[in-house]
Protein backbone atom coordinates (compact mmCIF):
# COMPACT_ATOMS: atom_id res chain seq x y z
CA MET A 1 -16.93 -29.04 66.59
CA ALA A 2 -13.82 -30.75 65.26
CA VAL A 3 -12.01 -29.10 62.16
CA ILE A 4 -11.68 -31.89 59.62
CA LYS A 5 -8.67 -31.30 57.72
CA PHE A 6 -7.08 -33.37 54.81
CA GLY A 7 -3.32 -32.90 55.03
CA THR A 8 -0.98 -34.81 52.89
CA SER A 9 -2.42 -37.84 53.33
CA GLY A 10 -5.66 -37.41 54.45
CA TRP A 11 -7.63 -36.51 57.65
CA ARG A 12 -6.40 -38.42 60.72
CA ALA A 13 -7.55 -38.10 64.51
CA ILE A 14 -7.60 -40.44 67.47
CA VAL A 15 -10.45 -42.48 67.79
CA ALA A 16 -13.23 -41.74 70.28
CA ASP A 17 -12.01 -38.37 70.38
CA GLU A 18 -12.02 -36.73 67.35
CA PHE A 19 -12.22 -39.77 65.05
CA THR A 20 -16.22 -40.49 65.95
CA VAL A 21 -19.00 -42.10 63.88
CA ALA A 22 -20.61 -38.76 63.87
CA ASN A 23 -17.22 -36.99 62.50
CA ILE A 24 -16.95 -40.04 59.92
CA ARG A 25 -20.44 -39.31 58.56
CA LEU A 26 -19.50 -35.71 58.12
CA ALA A 27 -15.98 -36.18 56.19
CA VAL A 28 -17.40 -39.43 53.85
CA ALA A 29 -20.80 -36.53 53.21
CA GLY A 30 -17.78 -34.07 52.22
CA ILE A 31 -16.53 -36.71 49.99
CA ALA A 32 -19.89 -37.62 48.54
CA ALA A 33 -20.17 -34.02 47.84
CA TYR A 34 -17.33 -33.86 45.95
CA VAL A 35 -18.08 -36.94 43.97
CA LYS A 36 -21.47 -35.85 43.15
CA THR A 37 -19.40 -33.20 40.86
CA LEU A 38 -18.33 -35.55 39.05
CA PRO A 39 -20.11 -37.34 35.62
CA ALA A 40 -22.48 -40.27 36.78
CA PRO A 41 -22.86 -42.92 37.37
CA HIS A 42 -21.13 -42.45 40.90
CA ARG A 43 -19.63 -45.52 42.45
CA VAL A 44 -16.76 -45.31 45.03
CA LEU A 45 -14.66 -48.12 46.72
CA VAL A 46 -14.49 -48.33 50.45
CA GLY A 47 -11.82 -49.86 52.19
CA ARG A 48 -9.65 -49.99 55.13
CA ASP A 49 -6.15 -51.11 57.02
CA PRO A 50 -6.84 -53.74 60.21
CA ARG A 51 -7.03 -51.06 62.62
CA PHE A 52 -9.71 -51.04 65.12
CA LEU A 53 -13.46 -50.74 64.39
CA GLY A 54 -12.38 -50.60 60.48
CA GLU A 55 -15.03 -52.84 59.52
CA SER A 56 -17.55 -50.41 61.37
CA PHE A 57 -16.35 -47.44 59.79
CA VAL A 58 -16.43 -48.93 56.11
CA ALA A 59 -19.94 -49.95 56.99
CA GLU A 60 -20.79 -46.50 58.20
CA ALA A 61 -19.09 -44.83 55.04
CA ALA A 62 -21.16 -47.25 52.59
CA GLN A 63 -24.53 -46.07 54.07
CA VAL A 64 -23.84 -42.38 54.06
CA LEU A 65 -22.51 -42.67 50.46
CA ALA A 66 -25.48 -44.64 49.39
CA GLY A 67 -27.91 -42.46 51.24
CA ALA A 68 -25.98 -39.86 48.77
CA GLY A 69 -27.13 -41.62 45.57
CA ILE A 70 -23.40 -43.26 45.01
CA ALA A 71 -22.92 -46.95 44.85
CA PRO A 72 -20.34 -47.86 47.70
CA ILE A 73 -18.06 -51.12 46.88
CA VAL A 74 -16.76 -52.68 49.98
CA ILE A 75 -13.66 -54.19 50.18
CA PRO A 76 -14.36 -56.78 53.01
CA GLU A 77 -10.48 -57.67 53.89
CA ALA A 78 -7.85 -55.10 55.12
CA ALA A 79 -5.85 -54.39 51.95
CA PRO A 80 -2.78 -52.33 51.36
CA THR A 81 -3.71 -48.36 50.33
CA PRO A 82 -1.84 -49.14 47.08
CA ALA A 83 -3.69 -52.07 46.20
CA ILE A 84 -6.89 -49.89 46.82
CA ALA A 85 -5.33 -47.21 44.19
CA TYR A 86 -5.16 -50.11 41.59
CA ALA A 87 -8.68 -51.13 41.94
CA VAL A 88 -9.89 -47.54 41.37
CA ARG A 89 -8.29 -47.72 38.08
CA THR A 90 -8.99 -51.06 37.21
CA LEU A 91 -12.57 -50.81 38.29
CA LYS A 92 -12.77 -47.04 36.99
CA THR A 93 -14.60 -46.04 40.17
CA HIS A 94 -14.86 -42.38 40.99
CA GLY A 95 -11.97 -42.90 43.63
CA ALA A 96 -11.76 -44.65 47.21
CA ILE A 97 -12.10 -43.80 50.44
CA ASN A 98 -9.61 -45.73 52.73
CA PHE A 99 -9.86 -46.05 56.78
CA THR A 100 -6.00 -45.87 57.82
CA ALA A 101 -3.95 -44.46 59.72
CA SER A 102 -0.66 -45.39 57.88
CA HIS A 103 2.26 -45.61 60.39
CA ASN A 104 0.48 -43.68 62.88
CA PRO A 105 0.11 -44.88 66.64
CA PRO A 106 -2.93 -47.64 67.06
CA GLU A 107 -5.12 -45.12 68.89
CA TYR A 108 -5.34 -43.31 65.61
CA ASN A 109 -7.40 -43.65 62.64
CA GLY A 110 -7.84 -41.80 59.59
CA ILE A 111 -9.41 -41.12 56.17
CA LYS A 112 -7.70 -40.86 52.71
CA TYR A 113 -9.50 -40.12 49.77
CA SER A 114 -8.60 -41.14 46.33
CA THR A 115 -9.25 -39.53 42.99
CA PRO A 116 -10.43 -41.25 40.04
CA ASP A 117 -6.94 -41.86 38.89
CA GLY A 118 -5.85 -43.76 41.85
CA ALA A 119 -3.79 -40.71 43.55
CA PRO A 120 -4.13 -38.99 46.64
CA ALA A 121 -6.40 -36.32 46.51
CA LEU A 122 -4.57 -33.12 45.39
CA PRO A 123 -4.95 -29.53 47.44
CA GLU A 124 -7.83 -28.29 44.90
CA VAL A 125 -9.72 -31.47 45.75
CA THR A 126 -9.55 -31.75 49.43
CA LYS A 127 -10.35 -27.75 49.77
CA GLN A 128 -13.52 -28.70 48.02
CA ILE A 129 -14.02 -31.58 50.43
CA GLU A 130 -13.42 -29.66 53.14
CA GLY A 131 -15.66 -26.69 52.09
CA ALA A 132 -18.28 -29.56 51.93
CA VAL A 133 -17.88 -30.14 55.41
CA ALA A 134 -17.55 -26.82 56.47
CA GLY A 135 -21.41 -26.25 54.82
CA LEU A 136 -22.66 -29.34 56.46
CA GLN A 137 -21.24 -28.32 60.04
CA ALA A 138 -23.18 -24.61 59.76
CA GLY A 139 -26.23 -26.58 58.67
CA HIS A 140 -26.13 -25.47 55.10
CA GLU A 141 -26.53 -29.00 53.92
CA SER A 142 -27.66 -32.02 55.49
CA ILE A 143 -25.88 -35.19 55.96
CA PRO A 144 -27.56 -37.74 53.55
CA LYS A 145 -29.56 -40.30 55.01
CA SER A 146 -28.16 -43.77 55.55
CA GLY A 147 -28.62 -46.32 52.93
CA PRO A 148 -29.28 -49.97 53.03
CA SER A 149 -27.05 -51.95 55.42
CA ALA A 150 -23.73 -52.88 54.52
CA GLY A 151 -24.38 -56.69 53.88
CA GLY A 152 -26.43 -55.26 50.72
CA PHE A 153 -23.77 -53.64 48.99
CA GLU A 154 -21.39 -54.82 46.03
CA THR A 155 -17.82 -55.82 47.26
CA ALA A 156 -14.76 -56.11 45.57
CA ASP A 157 -11.59 -58.49 46.30
CA VAL A 158 -8.88 -56.25 45.25
CA LYS A 159 -5.82 -59.05 45.93
CA PRO A 160 -5.71 -61.11 42.87
CA SER A 161 -5.75 -58.11 40.21
CA PHE A 162 -2.83 -56.24 42.21
CA LEU A 163 -0.66 -59.23 42.59
CA LYS A 164 -0.84 -60.05 39.02
CA ARG A 165 -0.03 -56.57 38.53
CA LEU A 166 3.19 -56.94 40.50
CA ALA A 167 4.10 -59.50 39.20
CA GLU A 168 3.89 -58.16 35.55
CA LEU A 169 6.38 -55.53 36.76
CA VAL A 170 8.81 -57.55 39.04
CA ASP A 171 11.00 -60.24 37.77
CA LEU A 172 9.96 -62.92 40.36
CA ARG A 173 11.90 -65.61 38.24
CA ALA A 174 14.95 -64.12 38.84
CA ILE A 175 14.51 -63.78 42.65
CA ALA A 176 13.58 -67.56 42.41
CA LYS A 177 16.96 -68.08 40.26
CA SER A 178 19.04 -66.61 42.67
CA GLY A 179 18.21 -68.87 45.49
CA ILE A 180 17.96 -65.82 47.88
CA LYS A 181 15.94 -66.18 51.16
CA ILE A 182 13.54 -63.29 52.36
CA VAL A 183 11.96 -62.16 55.41
CA TYR A 184 8.98 -60.26 55.68
CA ASP A 185 7.56 -58.08 58.51
CA PRO A 186 4.29 -56.47 57.86
CA PHE A 187 3.79 -55.13 60.82
CA TRP A 188 0.38 -56.86 61.63
CA GLY A 189 -0.76 -54.38 59.02
CA ALA A 190 -2.65 -54.49 55.38
CA GLY A 191 0.28 -56.05 53.65
CA ARG A 192 -0.22 -59.66 55.27
CA GLY A 193 -0.17 -62.04 52.29
CA TYR A 194 0.68 -59.56 49.51
CA PRO A 195 4.42 -60.11 48.63
CA SER A 196 4.80 -63.24 50.84
CA ASP A 197 2.20 -64.90 48.74
CA LEU A 198 3.63 -63.65 45.58
CA LEU A 199 7.23 -64.88 46.13
CA ARG A 200 6.21 -68.10 47.78
CA ASP A 201 4.00 -68.91 44.66
CA ALA A 202 7.12 -68.06 42.52
CA GLY A 203 9.32 -70.69 44.54
CA VAL A 204 11.12 -67.95 46.56
CA PRO A 205 11.69 -69.33 50.40
CA VAL A 206 10.21 -66.56 52.71
CA GLU A 207 9.56 -66.51 56.20
CA THR A 208 7.46 -63.84 58.02
CA VAL A 209 7.00 -62.45 61.62
CA HIS A 210 3.84 -60.06 63.17
CA ASP A 211 1.95 -62.07 60.25
CA TYR A 212 -1.42 -61.70 62.10
CA ARG A 213 -3.93 -58.95 62.92
CA ASP A 214 -3.14 -57.23 66.26
CA VAL A 215 -5.03 -53.88 66.36
CA LEU A 216 -2.56 -52.52 68.62
CA PHE A 217 0.16 -52.95 66.42
CA GLY A 218 2.57 -54.61 69.27
CA GLY A 219 1.90 -51.69 71.52
CA HIS A 220 3.62 -49.12 69.10
CA ALA A 221 3.02 -47.30 65.84
CA PRO A 222 3.12 -49.66 62.67
CA GLU A 223 6.27 -48.15 61.22
CA PRO A 224 9.03 -49.89 59.58
CA ASP A 225 11.98 -48.40 61.06
CA ASP A 226 15.40 -49.56 61.93
CA HIS A 227 14.64 -49.54 66.27
CA LEU A 228 11.32 -51.93 65.35
CA LEU A 229 12.75 -54.52 63.51
CA ALA A 230 14.50 -56.70 65.53
CA ASP A 231 12.50 -59.52 65.24
CA ALA A 232 12.88 -59.36 61.37
CA LYS A 233 16.67 -59.20 61.91
CA LYS A 234 16.67 -62.25 64.29
CA LYS A 235 14.67 -64.43 61.83
CA MET A 236 16.89 -63.26 59.06
CA LYS A 237 19.99 -64.49 60.86
CA GLU A 238 18.06 -67.47 61.88
CA ILE A 239 17.56 -68.57 57.96
CA GLY A 240 20.29 -66.66 56.50
CA ALA A 241 17.96 -64.34 54.50
CA ALA A 242 19.53 -61.85 52.04
CA VAL A 243 17.13 -59.21 52.56
CA GLY A 244 14.50 -58.15 54.99
CA ILE A 245 11.19 -56.47 54.02
CA ALA A 246 8.94 -54.72 56.03
CA THR A 247 5.89 -52.31 55.58
CA ASP A 248 3.77 -50.12 57.52
CA GLY A 249 0.05 -50.37 58.63
CA ASP A 250 -1.29 -49.66 55.60
CA ALA A 251 1.41 -51.15 53.25
CA ASP A 252 2.47 -47.76 51.40
CA ARG A 253 5.67 -47.38 53.21
CA PHE A 254 8.60 -49.99 53.05
CA GLY A 255 11.70 -50.60 55.56
CA ILE A 256 14.76 -52.68 54.49
CA VAL A 257 17.42 -54.37 55.84
CA ASP A 258 20.39 -56.04 54.59
CA GLY A 259 21.73 -59.44 54.69
CA ASP A 260 23.90 -58.35 57.42
CA GLY A 261 21.23 -57.01 59.73
CA THR A 262 22.08 -53.36 58.54
CA PHE A 263 18.97 -51.34 58.26
CA ILE A 264 19.23 -49.32 54.98
CA GLN A 265 17.59 -46.12 54.96
CA PRO A 266 14.77 -45.07 52.59
CA ASN A 267 16.68 -42.54 50.91
CA TYR A 268 19.31 -44.71 49.78
CA ILE A 269 16.70 -47.39 48.64
CA ILE A 270 15.19 -44.66 46.59
CA ALA A 271 18.61 -44.15 44.94
CA LEU A 272 19.78 -47.69 44.15
CA LEU A 273 16.64 -48.51 42.80
CA PHE A 274 16.37 -45.48 40.10
CA ASP A 275 19.92 -46.52 39.66
CA TYR A 276 18.90 -50.27 38.90
CA LEU A 277 15.81 -49.41 36.62
CA VAL A 278 17.76 -47.27 34.62
CA GLU A 279 20.27 -50.28 34.06
CA THR A 280 17.58 -53.06 33.90
CA ARG A 281 14.48 -51.28 32.18
CA GLY A 282 16.38 -48.72 30.15
CA TRP A 283 14.02 -46.12 31.40
CA ARG A 284 15.28 -42.70 31.07
CA ASN A 285 12.35 -40.24 31.00
CA GLY A 286 12.95 -38.86 34.18
CA VAL A 287 12.98 -39.24 38.35
CA ALA A 288 11.21 -37.25 40.88
CA LYS A 289 11.84 -37.29 44.59
CA SER A 290 10.76 -34.72 47.22
CA VAL A 291 12.84 -31.29 48.50
CA ALA A 292 13.47 -33.11 51.60
CA THR A 293 14.91 -36.54 49.83
CA THR A 294 18.74 -37.35 49.29
CA ASN A 295 20.73 -35.08 46.49
CA LEU A 296 22.23 -38.60 46.03
CA VAL A 297 19.39 -38.84 43.65
CA ASN A 298 19.96 -35.76 41.72
CA ALA A 299 23.87 -36.99 41.31
CA LEU A 300 22.45 -39.97 40.16
CA ALA A 301 20.06 -37.73 37.25
CA GLU A 302 23.11 -36.06 36.00
CA HIS A 303 25.02 -39.01 35.72
CA HIS A 304 22.38 -40.88 33.90
CA LYS A 305 21.67 -37.75 32.04
CA VAL A 306 17.69 -38.14 33.02
CA GLN A 307 15.67 -35.39 34.23
CA LEU A 308 15.34 -34.67 37.27
CA TYR A 309 11.60 -33.28 39.06
CA GLU A 310 12.08 -31.79 42.71
CA THR A 311 8.60 -31.78 44.35
CA PRO A 312 7.30 -30.45 47.45
CA VAL A 313 6.70 -32.81 50.19
CA GLY A 314 3.37 -35.36 49.96
CA PHE A 315 3.28 -37.85 47.28
CA LYS A 316 0.53 -36.50 45.37
CA TYR A 317 3.03 -34.37 43.57
CA ILE A 318 4.90 -37.37 42.56
CA GLY A 319 1.68 -39.14 41.71
CA GLU A 320 0.83 -36.62 38.91
CA LEU A 321 4.54 -37.09 37.29
CA ILE A 322 3.62 -41.12 37.32
CA ASN A 323 0.16 -40.10 35.62
CA GLU A 324 1.56 -38.13 33.03
CA ASP A 325 4.40 -40.89 32.17
CA LYS A 326 7.24 -38.48 32.86
CA ILE A 327 9.19 -40.47 35.51
CA ALA A 328 10.54 -43.70 36.01
CA ILE A 329 10.72 -43.71 39.42
CA GLY A 330 9.59 -41.10 41.79
CA GLY A 331 10.40 -41.50 46.03
CA GLU A 332 10.37 -39.40 49.43
CA GLU A 333 12.66 -40.00 52.35
CA SER A 334 9.72 -41.03 54.59
CA ALA A 335 9.86 -44.49 52.60
CA GLY A 336 7.31 -43.38 49.83
CA LEU A 337 7.97 -44.76 46.03
CA THR A 338 6.42 -46.30 43.08
CA ILE A 339 7.54 -46.59 39.36
CA ARG A 340 6.74 -46.37 35.76
CA GLY A 341 3.54 -48.17 34.67
CA HIS A 342 2.36 -48.65 38.28
CA VAL A 343 -0.22 -46.58 40.81
CA PRO A 344 0.35 -43.06 41.25
CA GLU A 345 0.64 -43.61 45.06
CA LYS A 346 2.98 -45.02 47.55
CA ASP A 347 3.80 -48.62 47.42
CA GLY A 348 5.82 -50.20 50.30
CA VAL A 349 5.12 -53.93 48.53
CA ILE A 350 6.54 -53.30 45.33
CA ALA A 351 9.57 -51.34 46.73
CA GLY A 352 10.05 -54.48 48.63
CA LEU A 353 10.15 -56.84 45.92
CA LEU A 354 12.05 -54.37 43.56
CA VAL A 355 14.89 -54.63 46.16
CA ALA A 356 14.57 -58.09 46.16
CA GLU A 357 14.81 -58.61 42.46
CA MET A 358 17.87 -55.61 42.65
CA VAL A 359 19.79 -57.96 45.17
CA ALA A 360 18.84 -61.32 43.19
CA SER A 361 19.88 -60.00 39.69
CA ARG A 362 23.21 -58.15 41.05
CA GLY A 363 24.16 -60.60 43.25
CA LYS A 364 25.76 -58.40 45.84
CA SER A 365 24.48 -57.04 48.96
CA LEU A 366 22.66 -53.53 49.60
CA GLY A 367 25.66 -52.42 51.30
CA ALA A 368 28.12 -53.26 48.47
CA GLN A 369 25.99 -51.87 46.16
CA LEU A 370 26.01 -48.35 48.24
CA LYS A 371 29.72 -48.24 47.82
CA GLU A 372 29.59 -48.63 44.23
CA LEU A 373 27.00 -45.65 44.02
CA PHE A 374 29.30 -43.42 46.10
CA ALA A 375 32.40 -44.44 43.91
CA LYS A 376 30.43 -43.66 40.69
CA VAL A 377 28.83 -40.29 41.94
CA GLY A 378 29.96 -39.30 45.38
CA SER A 379 28.82 -40.13 48.92
CA TYR A 380 25.69 -38.59 50.43
CA TYR A 381 24.75 -38.69 54.02
CA PRO A 382 21.37 -37.90 55.27
CA VAL A 383 19.45 -37.22 58.47
CA ARG A 384 16.41 -36.28 59.78
CA GLU A 385 15.62 -34.49 63.21
CA ASN A 386 12.48 -33.06 64.84
CA PHE A 387 13.07 -29.79 67.19
CA HIS A 388 10.03 -29.11 69.30
CA LEU A 389 9.22 -25.56 70.17
CA THR A 390 7.88 -23.50 72.66
CA ALA A 391 4.98 -21.00 71.09
CA ASP A 392 7.72 -17.95 71.43
CA GLN A 393 10.54 -19.99 69.55
CA LYS A 394 8.10 -21.11 66.92
CA ALA A 395 6.86 -17.51 66.34
CA ALA A 396 10.52 -16.44 66.08
CA PHE A 397 11.67 -19.45 63.95
CA THR A 398 8.65 -18.57 61.75
CA GLU A 399 9.92 -14.93 60.98
CA LYS A 400 13.49 -16.20 60.40
CA LEU A 401 11.97 -18.68 57.48
CA LYS A 402 11.36 -15.57 55.53
CA THR A 403 14.84 -14.43 55.54
CA ASP A 404 17.69 -15.94 53.30
CA PRO A 405 20.82 -16.79 54.87
CA ALA A 406 24.23 -15.72 54.02
CA GLU A 407 25.78 -18.57 56.01
CA LEU A 408 25.02 -21.32 58.18
CA GLY A 409 27.37 -22.35 60.93
CA GLY A 410 30.18 -20.36 59.41
CA ARG A 411 29.68 -21.65 55.75
CA LYS A 412 28.60 -19.78 52.87
CA VAL A 413 24.86 -20.38 51.43
CA VAL A 414 25.27 -20.84 47.96
CA SER A 415 21.55 -21.48 46.93
CA VAL A 416 18.06 -20.98 48.89
CA VAL A 417 15.09 -23.60 47.64
CA ARG A 418 11.57 -22.61 48.50
CA THR A 419 9.81 -25.38 47.05
CA ASP A 420 8.82 -26.51 50.18
CA GLY A 421 10.21 -24.81 53.47
CA LEU A 422 13.29 -23.52 53.46
CA LYS A 423 16.31 -25.65 52.06
CA LEU A 424 19.79 -23.97 52.39
CA VAL A 425 22.44 -25.63 50.08
CA LEU A 426 26.10 -25.14 50.99
CA ASP A 427 29.39 -24.59 49.41
CA ASP A 428 30.43 -28.20 49.11
CA GLY A 429 26.89 -29.58 48.16
CA SER A 430 25.91 -30.46 51.68
CA TRP A 431 22.35 -29.10 52.54
CA VAL A 432 19.66 -28.16 55.24
CA CYS A 433 16.09 -28.30 54.73
CA TYR A 434 13.58 -26.71 57.16
CA ARG A 435 10.07 -27.58 57.47
CA LEU A 436 7.77 -26.47 60.20
CA SER A 437 4.64 -29.14 61.20
CA GLY A 438 1.18 -27.68 60.36
CA THR A 439 -0.04 -29.41 63.48
CA GLU A 440 2.19 -29.43 66.11
CA PRO A 441 4.98 -26.95 67.18
CA VAL A 442 7.71 -28.77 65.65
CA VAL A 443 10.35 -28.21 63.11
CA ARG A 444 11.90 -31.07 60.82
CA ALA A 445 15.39 -30.72 59.96
CA TYR A 446 16.78 -32.95 57.22
CA THR A 447 20.43 -32.37 56.91
CA GLU A 448 22.71 -34.06 54.27
CA ALA A 449 26.27 -33.99 54.57
CA ARG A 450 28.97 -35.06 51.80
CA ASP A 451 31.39 -36.46 54.70
CA GLU A 452 30.76 -38.61 57.25
CA ARG A 453 32.95 -36.95 59.64
CA GLU A 454 31.05 -33.68 58.88
CA MET A 455 27.57 -34.82 59.87
CA GLU A 456 27.40 -33.91 63.26
CA ALA A 457 28.99 -30.46 62.49
CA LEU A 458 26.14 -29.79 60.21
CA SER A 459 23.29 -31.23 62.58
CA SER A 460 24.67 -29.12 65.15
CA ALA A 461 24.64 -25.95 62.79
CA ALA A 462 20.87 -26.87 61.54
CA LYS A 463 19.76 -27.00 65.33
CA HIS A 464 21.42 -23.82 66.49
CA PHE A 465 19.61 -22.01 63.48
CA VAL A 466 16.32 -22.84 65.12
CA VAL A 467 16.90 -22.51 68.76
CA GLY A 468 19.88 -19.89 68.54
């Protein structure tokens, strides 16, 4: 019997292993049980990314919802997670069920539930859903009988209203006026036709790669990381593009390439856009970042005299701050970002568009802008590494995480932060943050040196602390 657990971004599993039609019915019935606790009338959006069998899973979910007395609103085409989140808010539904495994490999699929505010479900909600699923599995309740066929349900095209909102938040005129060229790589995913259509309609020259459906995502995970962006870089060189934009399978994460072909890591993009939004929008109400995200954001917050919120890992915590209008921008080093007045959800589409606006408006490459940022508040060099552990090593390291080390690699620890995992801040402002995976024997080590020459030594010290 599968254990259906909703992590930081929903429930994910391998198709035909644990991600089966029977388990989909269970998960959707659990969500339906939660929705029924909310005020009527009950309406829920059902969408998907372009993964294998997505259309069939949407139809199955719609029937389970209908059987529970909840009106499903089916999104016929693959749609970005942020577009679905925006539709939840505009259509005022009781949330959305989204079939996506985001940036995971093609053999995975998943279910993400967004609450009525368009944000990822918080732990108190997912615990209720998991409890309902466990009750169904134990036979305390029964799965609602299927409703009518999916062909009879209300449908919604989420694209037009979402693009209209993006056009209100991004200065498309400035991008077009600058004359810059852009390359977009949707990674065969749900972002296809979103930023590219918006930019073309504004008169911006855009070329795309991987702009067709492939349920195998080219044979690898649809993850917009440097090592998978060769085709985008090649196209950029061909046309002389100033910016390369990429999004993952459900378009909630971004990857950015500078005009010279250099991949600019998400940590730096978040910091650059924070600085840019303060400069151009005058937003000073706050900035949020996860504890594992660069302290370059901390330094900029101090420089701009803006309130800093440091959250646990999981975009739902940043989403809460967006809903409360406490921040101008929030981001995670894993390439998640959103801004004030937008969805409380990661949006790789708006991230790429804002980067294009920033390059166009400032008339400088991202590399040049980053150098200026370092000159203003100091330099930061973040790296993330995964260390695989044996069962014994994991047990020993779990115990070690409970202690407060006085030093790391012979250097004094001046601060211990336990917002999420264990973060050790050293005397020069460099740091290491450890987080154990909840699903596999892996510890994630996030390190950030203040000097490029110190990166290797810090990484070595971080690893030694794990494996001894």
